[in-house]
């Protein structure tokens, strides 16, 4: 059975701790047009392969975002070119992000690993732009689509606790600003930073992953935590810090089938933009409909309203070990997996929220070099 399916791992208390943390973490403070991707613990991504082994993950995920019931979807706009933030400027409709990821994990030694993650994205977004200005103040439908490589991540990992039943892996990754930040909407305007394929600046990403076999070769628990900080980009836009917690169980149902369930939590702090401040015109203004109304001409760092969110989800899934079904050189150390990420609590500050998302993937390990 592949290392991905077995997912050895320790400290059952950490699993409970992470669930508690997800309940008591701070609520979001304040997002312009935004987009996210779904996230789950796969195991072979987080672990350190044996020395000389290359583990390759090919992953596809589909992430829809929509306005939650009881919210209007009316949010602020960020104009990078003119350094303006305009309150209540457009109304969100929908975003769909598809991402294909090539994830390479190589065991430098039995305890040190090197990971390279290369994403390719397809993103479509729709909103009603120019509230208070266009079409008698009702705004104009605007759409956006882009595809291309996202921000590449390079990570170094260290297995702190390698035992027969447990594993604790510390990691430190760096996001490289390889994704496009200049894509334009149907009106020819540069889309806001939050919808672009890349963030436009380097990001830091420390991680921890832990597993423990509760019942050897039958049942194991796992937990993970990660943090991402992205520095302010050349448009003077600073993405809010991201915190993620995950915990779950793997059950070996048959030699070739593993059932898994996990709870996922993500907290996004509010973004920050260096700008002047405007608001959209309203019917109460004598000039309505007209250009946005100036509130403060001073260009300064401002929290971006409607950014920041909390997201809780349950993700059932399964792993299928192809080598246990068909014995051949092509299926050896190969597995398929599928997850559905189902939200059960969300707060998106009136912006779009992630809906039920799906992940498909294939893992295969190769013995590249024989350990000395």
Protein backbone atom coordinates (compact mmCIF):
# COMPACT_ATOMS: atom_id res chain seq x y z
CA UNK A 1 0.00 0.00 0.00
CA UNK A 2 1.39 3.42 -0.89
CA UNK A 3 2.62 5.87 1.70
CA UNK A 4 -0.25 8.17 0.75
CA UNK A 5 -2.83 5.55 1.77
CA UNK A 6 -1.21 4.35 4.98
CA UNK A 7 -0.65 7.90 6.31
CA UNK A 8 1.22 6.90 9.50
CA UNK A 9 0.85 9.35 12.31
CA UNK A 10 0.81 10.69 16.50
CA UNK A 11 -0.59 12.75 19.31
CA UNK A 12 -4.32 12.23 19.18
CA UNK A 13 -4.73 15.23 21.44
CA UNK A 14 -3.51 17.51 18.67
CA UNK A 15 -6.52 16.53 16.59
CA UNK A 16 -8.90 17.69 19.32
CA UNK A 17 -6.85 20.82 19.93
CA UNK A 18 -7.13 21.87 16.29
CA UNK A 19 -10.88 21.43 16.32
CA UNK A 20 -11.15 23.57 19.43
CA UNK A 21 -8.92 26.24 17.86
CA UNK A 22 -11.22 26.43 14.84
CA UNK A 23 -14.13 27.24 17.12
CA UNK A 24 -12.41 29.93 19.17
CA UNK A 25 -10.34 31.64 16.46
CA UNK A 26 -11.14 35.32 15.89
CA UNK A 27 -13.93 36.29 13.52
CA UNK A 28 -12.97 38.24 10.40
CA UNK A 29 -12.64 41.95 10.75
CA UNK A 30 -13.51 43.06 7.37
CA UNK A 31 -13.10 41.81 0.62
CA UNK A 32 -13.21 43.26 -2.73
CA UNK A 33 -13.75 40.69 -5.53
CA UNK A 34 -12.04 37.58 -4.22
CA UNK A 35 -11.28 34.00 -5.09
CA UNK A 36 -9.99 30.98 -3.19
CA UNK A 37 -9.32 27.31 -3.85
CA UNK A 38 -10.44 24.32 -1.81
CA UNK A 39 -7.93 22.63 0.48
CA UNK A 40 -7.71 19.19 2.12
CA UNK A 41 -5.04 16.99 3.69
CA UNK A 42 -3.96 14.38 1.14
CA UNK A 43 -1.11 12.83 3.12
CA UNK A 44 1.43 12.22 0.39
CA UNK A 45 1.66 16.01 -0.01
CA UNK A 46 2.44 16.61 3.64
CA UNK A 47 4.72 13.65 4.37
CA UNK A 48 8.44 13.18 3.69
CA UNK A 49 9.14 10.33 1.23
CA UNK A 50 11.91 7.84 1.95
CA UNK A 51 15.40 8.80 0.78
CA UNK A 52 15.65 8.72 -3.00
CA UNK A 53 11.87 8.40 -3.54
CA UNK A 54 9.98 10.94 -5.66
CA UNK A 55 6.24 11.17 -4.96
CA UNK A 56 4.23 12.87 -7.69
CA UNK A 57 0.71 14.20 -7.10
CA UNK A 58 -1.45 15.43 -9.96
CA UNK A 59 -4.45 17.21 -8.49
CA UNK A 60 -7.54 18.87 -9.95
CA UNK A 61 -9.87 20.96 -7.84
CA UNK A 62 -13.10 22.78 -8.63
CA UNK A 63 -14.12 25.64 -6.36
CA UNK A 64 -17.34 27.63 -6.87
CA UNK A 65 -18.10 30.79 -4.90
CA UNK A 66 -21.47 32.48 -4.54
CA UNK A 67 -23.34 35.03 -2.43
CA UNK A 68 -24.71 33.57 0.80
CA UNK A 69 -28.42 33.71 1.58
CA UNK A 70 -29.30 36.80 3.55
CA UNK A 71 -26.46 38.89 2.11
CA UNK A 72 -26.57 41.42 -0.74
CA UNK A 73 -23.13 40.83 -2.23
CA UNK A 74 -22.57 44.60 -2.47
CA UNK A 75 -18.90 45.25 -1.76
CA UNK A 76 -16.13 47.81 -2.10
CA UNK A 77 -13.98 48.20 -5.19
CA UNK A 78 -10.19 48.55 -5.31
CA UNK A 79 -8.76 50.65 -8.16
CA UNK A 80 -5.02 49.94 -8.20
CA UNK A 81 -4.28 52.31 -11.10
CA UNK A 82 -5.75 55.42 -9.42
CA UNK A 83 -5.10 54.29 -5.82
CA UNK A 84 -8.79 54.52 -4.95
CA UNK A 85 -11.04 52.41 -2.77
CA UNK A 86 -14.76 52.91 -3.49
CA UNK A 87 -17.30 51.73 -0.93
CA UNK A 88 -20.41 49.84 -2.16
CA UNK A 89 -19.23 50.00 -5.75
CA UNK A 90 -20.29 46.64 -7.16
CA UNK A 91 -22.41 43.59 -6.50
CA UNK A 92 -20.90 40.12 -6.59
CA UNK A 93 -22.48 37.34 -8.65
CA UNK A 94 -20.21 34.30 -8.92
CA UNK A 95 -16.62 33.09 -9.18
CA UNK A 96 -15.45 29.65 -10.35
CA UNK A 97 -11.83 28.60 -9.93
CA UNK A 98 -10.44 25.42 -11.43
CA UNK A 99 -6.89 24.43 -10.62
CA UNK A 100 -4.62 21.67 -11.87
CA UNK A 101 -1.59 21.15 -9.64
CA UNK A 102 1.62 19.21 -10.15
CA UNK A 103 3.06 18.51 -6.70
CA UNK A 104 6.54 16.97 -6.45
CA UNK A 105 7.89 15.56 -3.17
CA UNK A 106 11.43 14.19 -3.01
CA UNK A 107 13.16 12.51 -0.07
CA UNK A 108 16.63 14.00 0.27
CA UNK A 109 17.11 11.73 3.29
CA UNK A 110 14.65 9.68 5.33
CA UNK A 111 13.94 12.82 7.37
CA UNK A 112 14.49 15.76 5.01
CA UNK A 113 12.27 16.35 2.00
CA UNK A 114 11.99 18.92 -0.78
CA UNK A 115 8.60 19.88 -2.24
CA UNK A 116 7.70 21.88 -5.35
CA UNK A 117 4.08 22.81 -6.11
CA UNK A 118 3.17 24.14 -9.56
CA UNK A 119 -0.46 25.29 -10.04
CA UNK A 120 -2.25 26.08 -13.29
CA UNK A 121 -5.55 27.94 -12.91
CA UNK A 122 -8.71 28.77 -14.82
CA UNK A 123 -10.83 31.51 -13.23
CA UNK A 124 -14.11 33.15 -14.23
CA UNK A 125 -15.79 35.94 -12.29
CA UNK A 126 -19.00 37.93 -12.73
CA UNK A 127 -20.28 41.02 -10.93
CA UNK A 128 -22.36 44.16 -11.51
CA UNK A 129 -19.93 47.06 -11.74
CA UNK A 130 -20.37 50.79 -11.21
CA UNK A 131 -23.27 50.95 -8.76
CA UNK A 132 -24.40 54.56 -8.48
CA UNK A 133 -22.81 55.42 -11.84
CA UNK A 134 -23.75 53.28 -14.81
CA UNK A 135 -27.17 52.37 -16.22
CA UNK A 136 -29.08 54.89 -14.12
CA UNK A 137 -27.17 53.83 -11.01
CA UNK A 138 -28.02 50.14 -11.36
CA UNK A 139 -24.54 49.27 -12.66
CA UNK A 140 -23.40 47.21 -15.62
CA UNK A 141 -22.79 43.44 -15.70
CA UNK A 142 -19.07 42.78 -16.04
CA UNK A 143 -17.26 39.48 -16.50
CA UNK A 144 -13.68 38.37 -16.14
CA UNK A 145 -11.82 35.23 -17.14
CA UNK A 146 -8.16 34.26 -17.06
CA UNK A 147 -6.04 31.16 -17.13
CA UNK A 148 -2.38 30.51 -16.54
CA UNK A 149 0.19 29.49 -13.99
CA UNK A 150 -0.35 30.57 -10.39
CA UNK A 151 2.18 31.27 -7.67
CA UNK A 152 4.70 28.41 -7.38
CA UNK A 153 5.61 27.18 -3.91
CA UNK A 154 8.96 25.63 -2.90
CA UNK A 155 9.20 23.97 0.53
CA UNK A 156 11.70 22.19 2.73
CA UNK A 157 10.31 19.64 5.22
CA UNK A 158 11.77 17.80 8.19
CA UNK A 159 10.34 14.66 9.81
CA UNK A 160 10.78 15.34 13.53
CA UNK A 161 9.25 12.09 14.80
CA UNK A 162 9.70 9.14 12.43
CA UNK A 163 8.45 5.98 14.16
CA UNK A 164 6.51 2.93 13.00
CA UNK A 165 3.21 4.42 14.18
CA UNK A 166 3.72 8.17 14.16
CA UNK A 167 5.07 11.08 12.20
CA UNK A 168 5.46 14.82 12.83
CA UNK A 169 6.64 16.92 9.88
CA UNK A 170 7.68 20.56 10.08
CA UNK A 171 7.78 22.51 6.84
CA UNK A 172 8.68 25.95 5.58
CA UNK A 173 7.60 27.07 2.14
CA UNK A 174 8.07 30.16 -0.01
CA UNK A 175 5.48 31.29 -2.57
CA UNK A 176 7.07 32.83 -5.65
CA UNK A 177 5.19 35.62 -7.52
CA UNK A 178 4.90 33.70 -10.80
CA UNK A 179 1.14 34.18 -11.33
CA UNK A 180 -0.22 36.92 -13.62
CA UNK A 181 -1.36 40.13 -11.88
CA UNK A 182 -2.39 42.15 -14.95
CA UNK A 183 -5.45 40.31 -16.30
CA UNK A 184 -8.33 42.53 -17.45
CA UNK A 185 -12.12 42.34 -17.36
CA UNK A 186 -14.59 42.64 -20.26
CA UNK A 187 -14.43 46.46 -20.00
CA UNK A 188 -10.66 46.46 -20.41
CA UNK A 189 -9.89 47.43 -16.81
CA UNK A 190 -7.26 45.63 -14.74
CA UNK A 191 -9.06 43.33 -12.33
CA UNK A 192 -8.52 43.68 -8.61
CA UNK A 193 -5.60 41.93 -6.93
CA UNK A 194 -7.85 39.41 -5.18
CA UNK A 195 -9.14 37.99 -8.47
CA UNK A 196 -5.79 37.79 -10.28
CA UNK A 197 -4.04 34.43 -10.73
CA UNK A 198 -1.08 35.57 -8.63
CA UNK A 199 -0.58 37.77 -5.58
CA UNK A 200 2.32 39.73 -7.05
CA UNK A 201 4.70 39.28 -4.14
CA UNK A 202 6.63 36.66 -2.17
CA UNK A 203 4.75 34.72 0.53
CA UNK A 204 5.98 32.72 3.53
CA UNK A 205 4.30 29.44 4.52
CA UNK A 206 5.30 27.51 7.69
CA UNK A 207 3.43 24.22 8.20
CA UNK A 208 3.10 21.30 10.60
CA UNK A 209 1.64 17.85 9.87
CA UNK A 210 1.10 14.98 12.31
CA UNK A 211 -0.32 11.45 12.09
CA UNK A 212 -0.69 8.50 14.47
CA UNK A 213 -1.91 4.93 13.91
CA UNK A 214 -4.66 4.40 16.47
CA UNK A 215 -5.12 0.81 15.26
CA UNK A 216 -2.05 -0.36 13.30
CA UNK A 217 -2.76 -0.84 9.58
CA UNK A 218 -6.45 -0.17 10.21
CA UNK A 219 -7.22 3.30 11.62
CA UNK A 220 -5.11 6.44 11.88
CA UNK A 221 -5.72 10.08 12.74
CA UNK A 222 -4.00 13.10 11.25
CA UNK A 223 -3.86 16.83 11.82
CA UNK A 224 -2.20 19.77 10.12
CA UNK A 225 -1.83 23.52 10.51
CA UNK A 226 -0.43 26.16 8.16
CA UNK A 227 0.07 29.92 8.00
CA UNK A 228 0.63 32.14 4.98
CA UNK A 229 1.89 35.72 4.96
CA UNK A 230 2.22 37.59 1.66
CA UNK A 231 4.17 40.83 1.53
CA UNK A 232 2.67 44.02 0.07
CA UNK A 233 2.78 43.94 -3.73
CA UNK A 234 3.71 46.66 -6.24
CA UNK A 235 0.09 47.86 -6.37
CA UNK A 236 0.34 48.64 -2.63
CA UNK A 237 -2.08 45.80 -1.92
CA UNK A 238 -1.47 43.58 1.10
CA UNK A 239 -3.36 40.28 1.29
CA UNK A 240 -4.59 39.32 4.74
CA UNK A 241 -2.78 36.52 6.55
CA UNK A 242 -4.23 33.03 6.10
CA UNK A 243 -4.55 30.40 8.85
CA UNK A 244 -5.64 26.82 8.12
CA UNK A 245 -6.36 23.91 10.49
CA UNK A 246 -7.31 20.37 9.48
CA UNK A 247 -7.95 17.14 11.38
CA UNK A 248 -9.38 13.76 10.43
CA UNK A 249 -9.29 9.97 10.31
CA UNK A 250 -8.33 7.33 7.72
CA UNK A 251 -9.98 3.90 7.84
CA UNK A 252 -8.53 1.00 5.83
CA UNK A 253 -11.73 -0.70 4.61
CA UNK A 254 -10.00 -3.20 2.30
CA UNK A 255 -6.37 -3.64 1.20
CA UNK A 256 -7.09 -1.34 -1.73
CA UNK A 257 -9.68 1.09 -0.31
CA UNK A 258 -9.21 3.72 2.40
CA UNK A 259 -12.13 5.85 3.57
CA UNK A 260 -11.29 9.25 5.00
CA UNK A 261 -13.09 12.11 6.69
CA UNK A 262 -11.68 15.43 7.82
CA UNK A 263 -12.74 18.78 9.24
CA UNK A 264 -11.20 21.83 7.56
CA UNK A 265 -11.00 25.39 8.87
CA UNK A 266 -9.66 28.55 7.24
CA UNK A 267 -9.43 32.08 8.63
CA UNK A 268 -8.50 34.98 6.35
CA UNK A 269 -7.62 38.28 7.97
CA UNK A 270 -8.75 41.48 6.24
CA UNK A 271 -6.69 42.88 3.36
CA UNK A 272 -5.04 46.31 3.33
CA UNK A 273 -4.70 48.83 0.50
CA UNK A 274 -2.87 52.15 0.27
CA UNK A 275 -5.46 54.48 -1.27
CA UNK A 276 -7.78 57.45 -1.05
CA UNK A 277 -11.39 56.72 -0.05
CA UNK A 278 -14.62 57.20 -2.02
CA UNK A 279 -18.19 55.93 -1.86
CA UNK A 280 -20.67 55.19 -4.62
CA UNK A 281 -23.36 57.80 -5.21
CA UNK A 282 -26.82 57.01 -3.83
CA UNK A 283 -30.34 58.33 -4.67
CA UNK A 284 -29.94 60.66 -1.67
CA UNK A 285 -27.20 62.54 -3.54
CA UNK A 286 -28.42 65.42 -5.70
CA UNK A 287 -26.13 64.39 -8.57
CA UNK A 288 -27.17 60.69 -8.59
CA UNK A 289 -26.25 58.83 -10.73
CA UNK A 290 -22.73 60.20 -10.98
CA UNK A 291 -19.09 59.58 -10.22
CA UNK A 292 -18.18 58.26 -6.75
CA UNK A 293 -18.24 60.77 -3.90
CA UNK A 294 -14.89 61.65 -2.31
CA UNK A 295 -14.64 60.94 1.43
CA UNK A 296 -10.90 61.30 2.12
CA UNK A 297 -8.30 62.26 -0.54
CA UNK A 298 -5.36 61.18 1.63
CA UNK A 299 -3.59 58.11 0.27
CA UNK A 300 -2.99 55.93 3.30
CA UNK A 301 -3.12 52.30 4.40
CA UNK A 302 -6.75 51.25 4.81
CA UNK A 303 -8.44 47.99 5.72
CA UNK A 304 -10.46 46.77 2.72
CA UNK A 305 -14.11 46.36 3.76
CA UNK A 306 -15.73 43.01 2.94
CA UNK A 307 -12.39 41.17 3.01
CA UNK A 308 -11.60 38.49 5.56
CA UNK A 309 -13.62 35.34 6.14
CA UNK A 310 -14.05 32.20 8.19
CA UNK A 311 -14.82 28.83 6.64
CA UNK A 312 -15.59 25.46 8.24
CA UNK A 313 -16.09 22.34 6.11
CA UNK A 314 -16.37 18.57 6.36
CA UNK A 315 -14.54 16.65 3.62
CA UNK A 316 -15.34 12.96 3.08
CA UNK A 317 -13.14 11.13 0.63
CA UNK A 318 -11.54 7.90 -0.48
CA UNK A 319 -8.20 6.54 -1.66
CA UNK A 320 -7.97 3.61 -4.09
CA UNK A 321 -4.66 1.73 -4.24
CA UNK A 322 -4.31 0.64 -7.86
CA UNK A 323 -1.35 -1.59 -7.04
CA UNK A 324 -3.54 -3.65 -4.72
CA UNK A 325 -6.13 -4.18 -7.48
CA UNK A 326 -3.87 -4.75 -10.48
CA UNK A 327 -0.29 -5.84 -9.99
CA UNK A 328 1.91 -4.28 -12.66
CA UNK A 329 4.83 -1.89 -13.02
CA UNK A 330 2.35 0.84 -14.02
CA UNK A 331 0.16 0.54 -10.92
CA UNK A 332 2.86 -0.13 -8.34
CA UNK A 333 2.92 2.62 -5.65
CA UNK A 334 0.00 4.36 -7.40
CA UNK A 335 -3.31 5.51 -5.93
CA UNK A 336 -6.33 7.58 -6.91
CA UNK A 337 -8.29 9.79 -4.54
CA UNK A 338 -11.42 11.93 -4.40
CA UNK A 339 -12.74 14.47 -1.87
CA UNK A 340 -15.86 16.61 -1.60
CA UNK A 341 -15.39 19.67 0.63
CA UNK A 342 -18.79 20.55 2.10
CA UNK A 343 -19.11 23.80 4.08
CA UNK A 344 -21.17 23.79 7.27
CA UNK A 345 -20.38 27.29 8.58
CA UNK A 346 -19.23 30.37 6.65
CA UNK A 347 -18.84 34.10 7.21
CA UNK A 348 -17.67 36.08 4.18
CA UNK A 349 -18.48 39.67 5.21
CA UNK A 350 -21.09 40.10 2.45
CA UNK A 351 -18.66 38.94 -0.25
CA UNK A 352 -18.63 35.66 -2.17
CA UNK A 353 -18.26 32.49 -0.10
CA UNK A 354 -16.78 29.13 -1.11
CA UNK A 355 -19.42 26.52 -1.89
CA UNK A 356 -19.16 22.73 -2.08
CA UNK A 357 -15.89 21.95 -3.83
CA UNK A 358 -14.33 18.83 -5.33
CA UNK A 359 -10.82 17.41 -5.55
CA UNK A 360 -9.59 14.56 -7.77
CA UNK A 361 -6.04 13.31 -7.76
CA UNK A 362 -3.50 10.64 -8.60
CA UNK A 363 -0.38 9.82 -6.59
CA UNK A 364 2.57 7.78 -7.80
CA UNK A 365 5.94 7.20 -6.18
CA UNK A 366 9.19 6.46 -8.03
CA UNK A 367 12.49 5.14 -6.68
CA UNK A 368 14.78 7.73 -8.27
CA UNK A 369 17.96 6.91 -6.34
CA UNK A 370 18.84 3.96 -4.15
CA UNK A 371 19.73 5.08 -0.62
CA UNK A 372 23.37 4.57 0.25
